[in-house]
Amino acid sequence: MIDLKQYEVWFVTGSQHLYGPETLEQVAKDSREIAAALDGHLPVQVVFKPVLTTPEAIRELCLAANSAKNCAGLITWMHTF
């Protein structure tokens, strides 16, 4: 049987700079809490990734996920009000 705990899914949150630094810090805090709450309830590890606010950052994260041997996928959440 495959040990799925060796694999990760990355919890990724998208947002926008227009909300300002205080709001983005809160978004990151909330995202960490959501990722932590999911971890342990899935057969793989859930790993928080920093909040992404630009197309370039999103592209870089997707490239990193594609090349990470233990990344099995992404959970994405788009923060907005």
C-alpha atoms as a PDB file:
ATOM      1  CA  MET A   1       0.000   0.000   0.000  1.00  0.00           C
ATOM      2  CA  ILE A   2       1.221   3.510  -0.811  1.00  0.00           C
ATOM      3  CA  ASP A   3       1.953   5.750   2.171  1.00  0.00           C
ATOM      4  CA  LEU A   4       0.023   8.854   1.165  1.00  0.00           C
ATOM      5  CA  LYS A   5       1.450  10.883   4.078  1.00  0.00           C
ATOM      6  CA  GLN A   6       4.619  11.276   2.022  1.00  0.00           C
ATOM      7  CA  TYR A   7       2.619  13.499  -0.346  1.00  0.00           C
ATOM      8  CA  GLU A   8       1.400  17.056   0.084  1.00  0.00           C
ATOM      9  CA  VAL A   9      -1.355  19.220  -1.256  1.00  0.00           C
ATOM     10  CA  TRP A  10      -0.552  22.911  -1.134  1.00  0.00           C
ATOM     11  CA  PHE A  11      -3.170  25.286   0.246  1.00  0.00           C
ATOM     12  CA  VAL A  12      -2.946  28.390  -1.937  1.00  0.00           C
ATOM     13  CA  THR A  13      -4.841  31.636  -1.428  1.00  0.00           C
ATOM     14  CA  GLY A  14      -5.220  34.323  -4.062  1.00  0.00           C
ATOM     15  CA  SER A  15      -5.959  37.936  -3.225  1.00  0.00           C
ATOM     16  CA  GLN A  16      -5.166  41.467  -4.410  1.00  0.00           C
ATOM     17  CA  HIS A  17      -2.773  44.191  -3.250  1.00  0.00           C
ATOM     18  CA  LEU A  18      -5.630  46.698  -3.244  1.00  0.00           C
ATOM     19  CA  TYR A  19      -6.814  45.365   0.119  1.00  0.00           C
ATOM     20  CA  GLY A  20      -3.651  46.656   1.807  1.00  0.00           C
ATOM     21  CA  PRO A  21      -1.086  45.007   4.080  1.00  0.00           C
ATOM     22  CA  GLU A  22      -3.262  44.660   7.187  1.00  0.00           C
ATOM     23  CA  THR A  23      -5.996  42.829   5.317  1.00  0.00           C
ATOM     24  CA  LEU A  24      -3.484  40.613   3.509  1.00  0.00           C
ATOM     25  CA  GLU A  25      -1.912  39.697   6.857  1.00  0.00           C
ATOM     26  CA  GLN A  26      -5.363  38.676   8.105  1.00  0.00           C
ATOM     27  CA  VAL A  27      -5.962  36.697   4.922  1.00  0.00           C
ATOM     28  CA  ALA A  28      -2.663  34.845   5.481  1.00  0.00           C
ATOM     29  CA  LYS A  29      -3.609  34.140   9.110  1.00  0.00           C
ATOM     30  CA  ASP A  30      -7.018  32.803   8.069  1.00  0.00           C
ATOM     31  CA  SER A  31      -5.432  30.707   5.309  1.00  0.00           C
ATOM     32  CA  ARG A  32      -2.960  29.162   7.761  1.00  0.00           C
ATOM     33  CA  GLU A  33      -5.861  28.255  10.047  1.00  0.00           C
ATOM     34  CA  ILE A  34      -7.844  26.677   7.210  1.00  0.00           C
ATOM     35  CA  ALA A  35      -4.818  24.665   6.046  1.00  0.00           C
ATOM     36  CA  ALA A  36      -4.149  23.508   9.615  1.00  0.00           C
ATOM     37  CA  ALA A  37      -7.790  22.498  10.060  1.00  0.00           C
ATOM     38  CA  LEU A  38      -7.711  20.443   6.849  1.00  0.00           C
ATOM     39  CA  ASP A  39      -4.403  18.791   7.708  1.00  0.00           C
ATOM     40  CA  GLY A  40      -5.072  15.512   9.448  1.00  0.00           C
ATOM     41  CA  HIS A  41      -8.460  15.090   7.772  1.00  0.00           C
ATOM     42  CA  LEU A  42      -7.007  14.146   4.400  1.00  0.00           C
ATOM     43  CA  PRO A  43      -4.785  11.180   3.564  1.00  0.00           C
ATOM     44  CA  VAL A  44      -2.033  13.618   2.479  1.00  0.00           C
ATOM     45  CA  GLN A  45      -0.353  16.525   4.257  1.00  0.00           C
ATOM     46  CA  VAL A  46      -1.871  19.975   3.737  1.00  0.00           C
ATOM     47  CA  VAL A  47       0.809  22.657   3.429  1.00  0.00           C
ATOM     48  CA  PHE A  48       0.083  26.381   3.692  1.00  0.00           C
ATOM     49  CA  LYS A  49       1.658  28.525   0.980  1.00  0.00           C
ATOM     50  CA  PRO A  50       1.907  32.331   1.117  1.00  0.00           C
ATOM     51  CA  VAL A  51      -0.935  34.467  -0.235  1.00  0.00           C
ATOM     52  CA  LEU A  52      -0.465  35.195  -3.929  1.00  0.00           C
ATOM     53  CA  THR A  53      -1.379  38.584  -5.365  1.00  0.00           C
ATOM     54  CA  THR A  54       0.166  38.714  -8.842  1.00  0.00           C
ATOM     55  CA  PRO A  55      -0.009  36.604 -11.997  1.00  0.00           C
ATOM     56  CA  GLU A  56       3.752  36.112 -11.809  1.00  0.00           C
ATOM     57  CA  ALA A  57       3.577  34.744  -8.253  1.00  0.00           C
ATOM     58  CA  ILE A  58       0.786  32.365  -9.262  1.00  0.00           C
ATOM     59  CA  ARG A  59       2.783  31.136 -12.245  1.00  0.00           C
ATOM     60  CA  GLU A  60       5.901  30.583 -10.118  1.00  0.00           C
ATOM     61  CA  LEU A  61       3.947  28.604  -7.527  1.00  0.00           C
ATOM     62  CA  CYS A  62       2.381  26.420 -10.215  1.00  0.00           C
ATOM     63  CA  LEU A  63       5.799  25.733 -11.717  1.00  0.00           C
ATOM     64  CA  ALA A  64       7.159  24.864  -8.264  1.00  0.00           C
ATOM     65  CA  ALA A  65       4.224  22.517  -7.600  1.00  0.00           C
ATOM     66  CA  ASN A  66       4.758  20.837 -10.954  1.00  0.00           C
ATOM     67  CA  SER A  67       8.388  20.118 -10.181  1.00  0.00           C
ATOM     68  CA  ALA A  68       7.992  19.133  -6.510  1.00  0.00           C
ATOM     69  CA  LYS A  69       8.148  15.337  -6.297  1.00  0.00           C
ATOM     70  CA  ASN A  70       5.918  15.182  -3.219  1.00  0.00           C
ATOM     71  CA  CYS A  71       3.258  17.725  -4.300  1.00  0.00           C
ATOM     72  CA  ALA A  72       0.132  15.836  -5.326  1.00  0.00           C
ATOM     73  CA  GLY A  73      -1.979  18.901  -6.053  1.00  0.00           C
ATOM     74  CA  LEU A  74      -3.277  22.299  -5.010  1.00  0.00           C
ATOM     75  CA  ILE A  75      -6.230  23.441  -2.949  1.00  0.00           C
ATOM     76  CA  THR A  76      -7.069  26.960  -4.056  1.00  0.00           C
ATOM     77  CA  TRP A  77      -9.106  29.625  -2.309  1.00  0.00           C
ATOM     78  CA  MET A  78      -9.734  33.065  -3.755  1.00  0.00           C
ATOM     79  CA  HIS A  79     -10.075  35.654  -1.021  1.00  0.00           C
ATOM     80  CA  THR A  80     -12.433  38.501  -1.776  1.00  0.00           C
ATOM     81  CA  PHE A  81     -14.991  40.621   0.020  1.00  0.00           C
END
